[in-house]
C-alpha atoms as a PDB file:
ATOM      1  CA  MET A   1     -40.190 -25.025-125.255  1.00  0.00           C
ATOM      2  CA  THR A   2     -38.711 -25.614-122.007  1.00  0.00           C
ATOM      3  CA  GLN A   3     -38.345 -29.113-121.382  1.00  0.00           C
ATOM      4  CA  GLN A   4     -39.636 -30.175-118.003  1.00  0.00           C
ATOM      5  CA  ARG A   5     -37.985 -31.804-115.396  1.00  0.00           C
ATOM      6  CA  PRO A   6     -39.554 -34.732-113.913  1.00  0.00           C
ATOM      7  CA  VAL A   7     -40.744 -35.125-110.700  1.00  0.00           C
ATOM      8  CA  LEU A   8     -39.450 -37.562-108.002  1.00  0.00           C
ATOM      9  CA  ALA A   9     -42.289 -39.161-105.790  1.00  0.00           C
ATOM     10  CA  THR A  10     -39.617 -39.094-103.265  1.00  0.00           C
ATOM     11  CA  ALA A  11     -37.020 -37.002-102.577  1.00  0.00           C
ATOM     12  CA  PRO A  12     -33.792 -38.708-101.812  1.00  0.00           C
ATOM     13  CA  SER A  13     -32.500 -38.400 -98.132  1.00  0.00           C
ATOM     14  CA  ARG A  14     -29.144 -37.581 -97.102  1.00  0.00           C
ATOM     15  CA  ARG A  15     -28.216 -40.079 -94.170  1.00  0.00           C
ATOM     16  CA  HIS A  16     -24.863 -39.548 -92.072  1.00  0.00           C
ATOM     17  CA  PRO A  17     -23.192 -42.855 -91.146  1.00  0.00           C
ATOM     18  CA  VAL A  18     -23.521 -44.245 -88.289  1.00  0.00           C
ATOM     19  CA  THR A  19     -20.508 -45.062 -86.159  1.00  0.00           C
ATOM     20  CA  GLN A  20     -20.428 -48.437 -84.299  1.00  0.00           C
ATOM     21  CA  ARG A  21     -19.160 -48.214 -81.276  1.00  0.00           C
ATOM     22  CA  PRO A  22     -18.637 -51.232 -79.087  1.00  0.00           C
ATOM     23  CA  SER A  23     -20.918 -51.676 -76.200  1.00  0.00           C
ATOM     24  CA  GLU A  24     -19.424 -51.243 -72.794  1.00  0.00           C
ATOM     25  CA  GLN A  25     -20.445 -51.022 -69.049  1.00  0.00           C
ATOM     26  CA  LYS A  26     -21.373 -48.408 -67.582  1.00  0.00           C
ATOM     27  CA  ARG A  27     -18.758 -47.324 -64.951  1.00  0.00           C
ATOM     28  CA  TRP A  28     -19.362 -45.120 -61.977  1.00  0.00           C
ATOM     29  CA  THR A  29     -19.664 -41.457 -62.092  1.00  0.00           C
ATOM     30  CA  PHE A  30     -20.149 -39.273 -58.444  1.00  0.00           C
ATOM     31  CA  SER A  31     -22.822 -36.303 -58.441  1.00  0.00           C
ATOM     32  CA  PHE A  32     -22.031 -33.941 -55.243  1.00  0.00           C
ATOM     33  CA  ARG A  33     -25.526 -31.955 -55.866  1.00  0.00           C
ATOM     34  CA  PHE A  34     -27.106 -33.235 -52.573  1.00  0.00           C
ATOM     35  CA  PHE A  35     -23.863 -33.352 -50.596  1.00  0.00           C
ATOM     36  CA  ASN A  36     -24.286 -31.962 -47.291  1.00  0.00           C
ATOM     37  CA  GLN A  37     -22.053 -31.619 -43.905  1.00  0.00           C
ATOM     38  CA  ILE A  38     -24.386 -32.138 -40.590  1.00  0.00           C
ATOM     39  CA  ASP A  39     -23.519 -33.272 -37.265  1.00  0.00           C
ATOM     40  CA  TYR A  40     -21.766 -36.450 -36.531  1.00  0.00           C
ATOM     41  CA  PHE A  41     -21.397 -36.316 -40.723  1.00  0.00           C
ATOM     42  CA  GLY A  42     -19.071 -33.289 -40.784  1.00  0.00           C
ATOM     43  CA  LEU A  43     -15.290 -32.940 -41.794  1.00  0.00           C
ATOM     44  CA  SER A  44     -13.948 -31.122 -38.903  1.00  0.00           C
ATOM     45  CA  LYS A  45     -12.077 -34.097 -37.750  1.00  0.00           C
ATOM     46  CA  SER A  46     -10.598 -34.741 -40.897  1.00  0.00           C
ATOM     47  CA  ASP A  47      -7.097 -33.896 -42.084  1.00  0.00           C
ATOM     48  CA  ALA A  48      -5.618 -33.932 -45.279  1.00  0.00           C
ATOM     49  CA  ASP A  49      -4.667 -37.499 -45.850  1.00  0.00           C
ATOM     50  CA  TRP A  50      -8.448 -38.588 -45.669  1.00  0.00           C
ATOM     51  CA  PHE A  51      -9.498 -36.300 -48.857  1.00  0.00           C
ATOM     52  CA  VAL A  52      -6.376 -37.562 -50.450  1.00  0.00           C
ATOM     53  CA  SER A  53      -7.606 -41.539 -49.402  1.00  0.00           C
ATOM     54  CA  LEU A  54     -11.537 -40.279 -50.361  1.00  0.00           C
ATOM     55  CA  LEU A  55     -10.227 -38.749 -53.805  1.00  0.00           C
ATOM     56  CA  ALA A  56      -8.345 -42.115 -53.990  1.00  0.00           C
ATOM     57  CA  ARG A  57     -11.483 -44.679 -53.898  1.00  0.00           C
ATOM     58  CA  LEU A  58     -13.472 -42.151 -56.217  1.00  0.00           C
ATOM     59  CA  ALA A  59     -10.886 -42.559 -58.614  1.00  0.00           C
ATOM     60  CA  THR A  60     -10.696 -46.691 -58.383  1.00  0.00           C
ATOM     61  CA  LEU A  61     -14.534 -46.684 -58.028  1.00  0.00           C
ATOM     62  CA  SER A  62     -14.601 -44.683 -61.466  1.00  0.00           C
ATOM     63  CA  GLN A  63     -13.166 -47.819 -63.324  1.00  0.00           C
ATOM     64  CA  GLU A  64     -15.562 -49.965 -62.124  1.00  0.00           C
ATOM     65  CA  PRO A  65     -18.572 -51.195 -63.650  1.00  0.00           C
ATOM     66  CA  ILE A  66     -21.785 -50.749 -62.138  1.00  0.00           C
ATOM     67  CA  GLU A  67     -23.298 -53.970 -62.640  1.00  0.00           C
ATOM     68  CA  ARG A  68     -20.106 -55.351 -60.872  1.00  0.00           C
ATOM     69  CA  MET A  69     -20.980 -53.689 -57.863  1.00  0.00           C
ATOM     70  CA  ARG A  70     -24.671 -54.307 -57.475  1.00  0.00           C
ATOM     71  CA  ALA A  71     -24.554 -58.010 -58.675  1.00  0.00           C
ATOM     72  CA  ASP A  72     -21.718 -59.519 -56.870  1.00  0.00           C
ATOM     73  CA  PRO A  73     -21.771 -60.157 -53.099  1.00  0.00           C
ATOM     74  CA  THR A  74     -17.740 -60.707 -53.264  1.00  0.00           C
ATOM     75  CA  THR A  75     -17.368 -57.115 -54.662  1.00  0.00           C
ATOM     76  CA  GLN A  76     -19.983 -55.933 -52.379  1.00  0.00           C
ATOM     77  CA  ASN A  77     -18.368 -57.399 -49.318  1.00  0.00           C
ATOM     78  CA  ALA A  78     -15.360 -55.790 -50.194  1.00  0.00           C
ATOM     79  CA  TRP A  79     -16.113 -52.270 -50.187  1.00  0.00           C
ATOM     80  CA  ARG A  80     -18.767 -52.722 -47.606  1.00  0.00           C
ATOM     81  CA  TYR A  81     -21.615 -52.062 -49.754  1.00  0.00           C
ATOM     82  CA  HIS A  82     -25.174 -52.709 -48.661  1.00  0.00           C
ATOM     83  CA  PRO A  83     -28.235 -50.554 -48.055  1.00  0.00           C
ATOM     84  CA  VAL A  84     -28.293 -47.843 -44.648  1.00  0.00           C
ATOM     85  CA  ASN A  85     -30.176 -49.986 -42.017  1.00  0.00           C
ATOM     86  CA  TRP A  86     -32.303 -46.842 -40.246  1.00  0.00           C
ATOM     87  CA  SER A  87     -33.187 -49.579 -37.526  1.00  0.00           C
ATOM     88  CA  GLN A  88     -29.465 -49.718 -36.486  1.00  0.00           C
ATOM     89  CA  LYS A  89     -29.470 -49.295 -33.170  1.00  0.00           C
ATOM     90  CA  ASN A  90     -27.946 -45.457 -31.818  1.00  0.00           C
ATOM     91  CA  ILE A  91     -28.041 -44.405 -35.390  1.00  0.00           C
ATOM     92  CA  PRO A  92     -27.913 -40.691 -35.339  1.00  0.00           C
ATOM     93  CA  ILE A  93     -29.853 -39.906 -38.238  1.00  0.00           C
ATOM     94  CA  GLN A  94     -32.939 -41.532 -40.061  1.00  0.00           C
ATOM     95  CA  ARG A  95     -33.901 -40.410 -43.833  1.00  0.00           C
ATOM     96  CA  THR A  96     -36.510 -37.687 -43.157  1.00  0.00           C
ATOM     97  CA  ASP A  97     -33.290 -35.438 -41.620  1.00  0.00           C
ATOM     98  CA  LEU A  98     -32.148 -35.405 -45.026  1.00  0.00           C
ATOM     99  CA  THR A  99     -33.888 -32.078 -45.726  1.00  0.00           C
ATOM    100  CA  TRP A 100     -32.051 -30.730 -48.359  1.00  0.00           C
ATOM    101  CA  VAL A 101     -32.605 -33.800 -50.861  1.00  0.00           C
ATOM    102  CA  THR A 102     -35.379 -33.195 -52.939  1.00  0.00           C
ATOM    103  CA  PRO A 103     -38.878 -34.869 -51.767  1.00  0.00           C
ATOM    104  CA  GLU A 104     -38.243 -36.830 -55.249  1.00  0.00           C
ATOM    105  CA  TYR A 105     -35.774 -38.619 -54.026  1.00  0.00           C
ATOM    106  CA  ARG A 106     -35.695 -38.862 -50.376  1.00  0.00           C
ATOM    107  CA  ASP A 107     -39.486 -39.479 -49.843  1.00  0.00           C
ATOM    108  CA  ASN A 108     -38.877 -42.653 -52.813  1.00  0.00           C
ATOM    109  CA  GLU A 109     -36.977 -45.026 -50.752  1.00  0.00           C
ATOM    110  CA  ALA A 110     -37.945 -48.289 -52.320  1.00  0.00           C
ATOM    111  CA  GLU A 111     -36.699 -46.467 -56.318  1.00  0.00           C
ATOM    112  CA  TYR A 112     -34.046 -44.479 -54.542  1.00  0.00           C
ATOM    113  CA  PRO A 113     -32.448 -46.321 -51.165  1.00  0.00           C
ATOM    114  CA  LEU A 114     -29.661 -44.975 -49.455  1.00  0.00           C
ATOM    115  CA  VAL A 115     -26.166 -47.197 -49.552  1.00  0.00           C
ATOM    116  CA  GLN A 116     -22.920 -46.944 -48.472  1.00  0.00           C
ATOM    117  CA  PHE A 117     -19.497 -47.662 -49.367  1.00  0.00           C
ATOM    118  CA  MET A 118     -16.295 -48.054 -47.558  1.00  0.00           C
ATOM    119  CA  ILE A 119     -13.038 -45.385 -47.984  1.00  0.00           C
ATOM    120  CA  SER A 120     -11.268 -48.099 -45.830  1.00  0.00           C
ATOM    121  CA  ARG A 121     -11.757 -49.882 -42.609  1.00  0.00           C
ATOM    122  CA  THR A 122     -10.952 -47.107 -40.262  1.00  0.00           C
ATOM    123  CA  LEU A 123     -11.603 -43.707 -42.486  1.00  0.00           C
ATOM    124  CA  GLY A 124     -15.277 -44.348 -42.832  1.00  0.00           C
ATOM    125  CA  ARG A 125     -17.940 -44.268 -45.195  1.00  0.00           C
ATOM    126  CA  VAL A 126     -19.241 -42.358 -48.416  1.00  0.00           C
ATOM    127  CA  VAL A 127     -23.293 -42.248 -48.411  1.00  0.00           C
ATOM    128  CA  GLY A 128     -25.741 -41.566 -51.385  1.00  0.00           C
ATOM    129  CA  PHE A 129     -27.945 -43.303 -53.607  1.00  0.00           C
ATOM    130  CA  TRP A 130     -28.544 -44.029 -57.492  1.00  0.00           C
ATOM    131  CA  ASP A 131     -30.611 -41.677 -59.416  1.00  0.00           C
ATOM    132  CA  GLU A 132     -32.368 -42.570 -62.578  1.00  0.00           C
ATOM    133  CA  SER A 133     -29.534 -42.055 -64.643  1.00  0.00           C
ATOM    134  CA  ASP A 134     -27.333 -44.384 -62.706  1.00  0.00           C
ATOM    135  CA  VAL A 135     -25.225 -41.244 -61.370  1.00  0.00           C
ATOM    136  CA  PHE A 136     -23.904 -42.152 -57.765  1.00  0.00           C
ATOM    137  CA  ASN A 137     -25.799 -39.179 -55.604  1.00  0.00           C
ATOM    138  CA  ILE A 138     -23.316 -38.574 -52.365  1.00  0.00           C
ATOM    139  CA  VAL A 139     -25.449 -37.241 -49.789  1.00  0.00           C
ATOM    140  CA  LEU A 140     -23.195 -37.460 -46.612  1.00  0.00           C
ATOM    141  CA  LEU A 141     -19.291 -38.151 -45.925  1.00  0.00           C
ATOM    142  CA  ASP A 142     -19.069 -40.618 -42.653  1.00  0.00           C
ATOM    143  CA  PRO A 143     -15.410 -40.243 -41.774  1.00  0.00           C
ATOM    144  CA  LEU A 144     -15.847 -41.841 -38.289  1.00  0.00           C
ATOM    145  CA  HIS A 145     -18.109 -44.019 -39.137  1.00  0.00           C
ATOM    146  CA  ASN A 146     -21.383 -42.922 -37.334  1.00  0.00           C
ATOM    147  CA  ILE A 147     -23.882 -44.203 -40.234  1.00  0.00           C
ATOM    148  CA  TRP A 148     -23.675 -47.640 -38.768  1.00  0.00           C
ATOM    149  CA  PRO A 149     -22.866 -47.846 -34.956  1.00  0.00           C
ATOM    150  CA  THR A 150     -21.341 -51.475 -33.922  1.00  0.00           C
ATOM    151  CA  LYS A 151     -21.477 -53.975 -31.571  1.00  0.00           C
ATOM    152  CA  ASN A 152     -17.717 -53.789 -31.500  1.00  0.00           C
ATOM    153  CA  THR A 153     -17.880 -50.149 -30.234  1.00  0.00           C
ATOM    154  CA  GLY A 154     -20.878 -50.669 -27.790  1.00  0.00           C
ATOM    155  CA  TYR A 155     -23.214 -48.903 -30.782  1.00  0.00           C
ATOM    156  CA  ARG A 156     -20.724 -45.573 -30.133  1.00  0.00           C
ATOM    157  CA  VAL A 157     -21.134 -42.665 -32.426  1.00  0.00           C
ATOM    158  CA  ASP A 158     -18.465 -40.025 -32.530  1.00  0.00           C
ATOM    159  CA  PRO A 159     -19.369 -36.403 -32.689  1.00  0.00           C
ATOM    160  CA  CYS A 160     -17.782 -34.458 -35.384  1.00  0.00           C
ATOM    161  CA  SER A 161     -19.101 -31.142 -37.111  1.00  0.00           C
ATOM    162  CA  PRO A 162     -19.910 -29.525 -40.379  1.00  0.00           C
ATOM    163  CA  MET A 163     -16.066 -27.665 -41.477  1.00  0.00           C
ATOM    164  CA  ASP A 164     -16.416 -24.294 -43.063  1.00  0.00           C
ATOM    165  CA  CYS A 165     -14.358 -23.224 -46.315  1.00  0.00           C
ATOM    166  CA  ARG A 166     -12.575 -20.280 -45.831  1.00  0.00           C
ATOM    167  CA  PHE A 167     -15.492 -17.946 -48.091  1.00  0.00           C
ATOM    168  CA  THR A 168     -18.169 -19.569 -46.065  1.00  0.00           C
ATOM    169  CA  ALA A 169     -16.373 -18.716 -42.900  1.00  0.00           C
ATOM    170  CA  LEU A 170     -15.612 -15.368 -43.699  1.00  0.00           C
ATOM    171  CA  LEU A 171     -19.422 -15.214 -44.363  1.00  0.00           C
ATOM    172  CA  GLY A 172     -19.681 -15.906 -41.399  1.00  0.00           C
ATOM    173  CA  ASP A 173     -17.422 -13.731 -39.712  1.00  0.00           C
ATOM    174  CA  ILE A 174     -19.032 -10.794 -41.448  1.00  0.00           C
ATOM    175  CA  LEU A 175     -22.701 -11.653 -40.383  1.00  0.00           C
ATOM    176  CA  GLN A 176     -21.146 -12.267 -36.574  1.00  0.00           C
ATOM    177  CA  ALA A 177     -20.063  -8.123 -37.014  1.00  0.00           C
ATOM    178  CA  GLN A 178     -23.235  -6.719 -38.878  1.00  0.00           C
ATOM    179  CA  GLY A 179     -25.104  -8.253 -35.591  1.00  0.00           C
ATOM    180  CA  ILE A 180     -22.701  -6.392 -33.027  1.00  0.00           C
ATOM    181  CA  ALA A 181     -24.545  -3.327 -31.313  1.00  0.00           C
ATOM    182  CA  CYS A 182     -22.478   0.089 -31.303  1.00  0.00           C
ATOM    183  CA  ASN A 183     -22.679   3.165 -28.444  1.00  0.00           C
ATOM    184  CA  GLY A 184     -24.254   5.303 -31.044  1.00  0.00           C
ATOM    185  CA  ASN A 185     -26.009   5.429 -34.417  1.00  0.00           C
ATOM    186  CA  GLU A 186     -22.941   7.241 -36.371  1.00  0.00           C
ATOM    187  CA  CYS A 187     -21.108   4.097 -36.131  1.00  0.00           C
ATOM    188  CA  PRO A 188     -19.621   4.252 -39.764  1.00  0.00           C
ATOM    189  CA  SER A 189     -17.754   1.164 -39.411  1.00  0.00           C
ATOM    190  CA  HIS A 190     -20.967  -0.928 -38.212  1.00  0.00           C
ATOM    191  CA  ASN A 191     -23.431   1.383 -40.784  1.00  0.00           C
ATOM    192  CA  ALA A 192     -20.955   0.264 -43.090  1.00  0.00           C
ATOM    193  CA  LEU A 193     -21.449  -3.618 -42.457  1.00  0.00           C
ATOM    194  CA  LYS A 194     -25.042  -3.065 -42.170  1.00  0.00           C
ATOM    195  CA  ARG A 195     -25.053  -2.164 -45.990  1.00  0.00           C
ATOM    196  CA  LEU A 196     -23.429  -5.326 -47.375  1.00  0.00           C
ATOM    197  CA  PRO A 197     -23.503  -6.044 -49.837  1.00  0.00           C
ATOM    198  CA  THR A 198     -23.717  -3.096 -51.689  1.00  0.00           C
ATOM    199  CA  PHE A 199     -22.406  -5.084 -55.067  1.00  0.00           C
ATOM    200  CA  GLU A 200     -21.025  -1.336 -55.814  1.00  0.00           C
ATOM    201  CA  ARG A 201     -17.382  -2.327 -56.453  1.00  0.00           C
ATOM    202  CA  LEU A 202     -17.181  -5.554 -59.178  1.00  0.00           C
ATOM    203  CA  TYR A 203     -13.230  -7.090 -58.933  1.00  0.00           C
ATOM    204  CA  THR A 204     -11.661  -8.918 -61.520  1.00  0.00           C
ATOM    205  CA  ALA A 205     -10.230 -12.321 -59.390  1.00  0.00           C
ATOM    206  CA  LEU A 206      -7.158 -13.936 -61.017  1.00  0.00           C
ATOM    207  CA  LEU A 207      -5.650 -17.160 -59.773  1.00  0.00           C
ATOM    208  CA  ILE A 208      -1.892 -17.156 -59.977  1.00  0.00           C
ATOM    209  CA  HIS A 209       0.457 -20.167 -59.019  1.00  0.00           C
ATOM    210  CA  VAL A 210       3.390 -19.372 -56.531  1.00  0.00           C
ATOM    211  CA  GLY A 211       6.110 -21.217 -56.112  1.00  0.00           C
ATOM    212  CA  GLU A 212       7.950 -22.014 -52.973  1.00  0.00           C
ATOM    213  CA  GLU A 213      10.615 -19.560 -53.075  1.00  0.00           C
ATOM    214  CA  LEU A 214       8.472 -16.307 -54.259  1.00  0.00           C
ATOM    215  CA  GLN A 215       5.808 -17.882 -51.206  1.00  0.00           C
ATOM    216  CA  ASP A 216       8.929 -16.820 -48.883  1.00  0.00           C
ATOM    217  CA  LYS A 217       9.252 -13.510 -50.147  1.00  0.00           C
ATOM    218  CA  LEU A 218       5.452 -12.830 -50.160  1.00  0.00           C
ATOM    219  CA  ALA A 219       5.348 -13.804 -46.623  1.00  0.00           C
ATOM    220  CA  LYS A 220       8.271 -11.671 -45.814  1.00  0.00           C
ATOM    221  CA  SER A 221       6.691  -8.384 -48.182  1.00  0.00           C
ATOM    222  CA  LEU A 222       3.320  -9.127 -46.106  1.00  0.00           C
ATOM    223  CA  GLU A 223       5.295  -8.900 -43.002  1.00  0.00           C
ATOM    224  CA  ASN A 224       6.587  -5.538 -43.718  1.00  0.00           C
ATOM    225  CA  GLY A 225       3.176  -4.024 -43.979  1.00  0.00           C
ATOM    226  CA  TRP A 226       2.408  -4.108 -47.833  1.00  0.00           C
ATOM    227  CA  ASP A 227      -1.088  -5.860 -49.149  1.00  0.00           C
ATOM    228  CA  LEU A 228      -1.539  -8.027 -52.103  1.00  0.00           C
ATOM    229  CA  HIS A 229      -3.304  -5.378 -54.310  1.00  0.00           C
ATOM    230  CA  GLN A 230       0.128  -2.896 -53.666  1.00  0.00           C
ATOM    231  CA  LEU A 231       2.168  -5.639 -54.402  1.00  0.00           C
ATOM    232  CA  PHE A 232       0.302  -6.665 -57.956  1.00  0.00           C
ATOM    233  CA  GLU A 233       0.149  -2.872 -58.709  1.00  0.00           C
ATOM    234  CA  LEU A 234       3.956  -2.248 -58.172  1.00  0.00           C
ATOM    235  CA  GLY A 235       5.040  -5.597 -59.762  1.00  0.00           C
ATOM    236  CA  LEU A 236       2.851  -4.640 -63.124  1.00  0.00           C
ATOM    237  CA  GLU A 237       3.964  -1.303 -63.296  1.00  0.00           C
ATOM    238  CA  CYS A 238       7.298  -2.171 -63.072  1.00  0.00           C
ATOM    239  CA  ALA A 239       6.602  -4.742 -66.197  1.00  0.00           C
ATOM    240  CA  ILE A 240       5.110  -2.039 -68.223  1.00  0.00           C
ATOM    241  CA  ALA A 241       8.063   0.394 -67.421  1.00  0.00           C
ATOM    242  CA  SER A 242      10.215  -2.288 -68.616  1.00  0.00           C
ATOM    243  CA  GLY A 243       8.705  -2.714 -71.912  1.00  0.00           C
ATOM    244  CA  ASP A 244       8.352   0.450 -72.580  1.00  0.00           C
ATOM    245  CA  ASP A 245      12.339   1.157 -71.315  1.00  0.00           C
ATOM    246  CA  GLN A 246      12.992  -1.764 -74.137  1.00  0.00           C
ATOM    247  CA  LYS A 247      10.977  -0.181 -76.890  1.00  0.00           C
ATOM    248  CA  SER A 248      12.991   2.731 -76.610  1.00  0.00           C
ATOM    249  CA  ALA A 249      16.525   0.817 -76.510  1.00  0.00           C
ATOM    250  CA  ASP A 250      14.856  -1.041 -79.757  1.00  0.00           C
END
């Protein structure tokens, strides 16, 4: 007779040990999902030193507990951290102008007020808001301190404009070329431009570090009429040929 096994009323559960980590205050983290450039808040007049200063300040804040800035008036004053005053004299923007920020944030000033903190006294401000996850969303960079015109400067705001990256500048040049009218309808260049983008050719992009010595050689080669594709192709063929010769010798 087969012996039956006893039935357990409750199956034993497997529990994974919970690793106890010491609680730690939340530190600053940043998001650029709502960052934009507009007139008076563009980067057209910002040099490389300004960008280095901005990154250095963000790095410093990334080590700071959030609550210290929120609760300590001394820390707030040191960073010039305070809400944006939309009634400030001569302020060149209003909250409703932030059309690229989703309405759930833009139209809820009570829960998501925009605040500023300084990069330095002379290098301007960073403007943004805290979201529901305690991430600081950067909305505007203010290198000329236009978000807070002061009496000391006669409430002056200084003009600056958005600065394109090389990719957006190239797209702008293509759009401009597409809009140029030709004398005839059979202009091959204009017809080709109008068809862009075709996505008929897909290329693999390679990022290659080039040292100063190679940069000089590359510049001279380009001046002599070579293009990057030709140089890469020639170098690749030479490397393959050299490898084949080495195998033959072995």
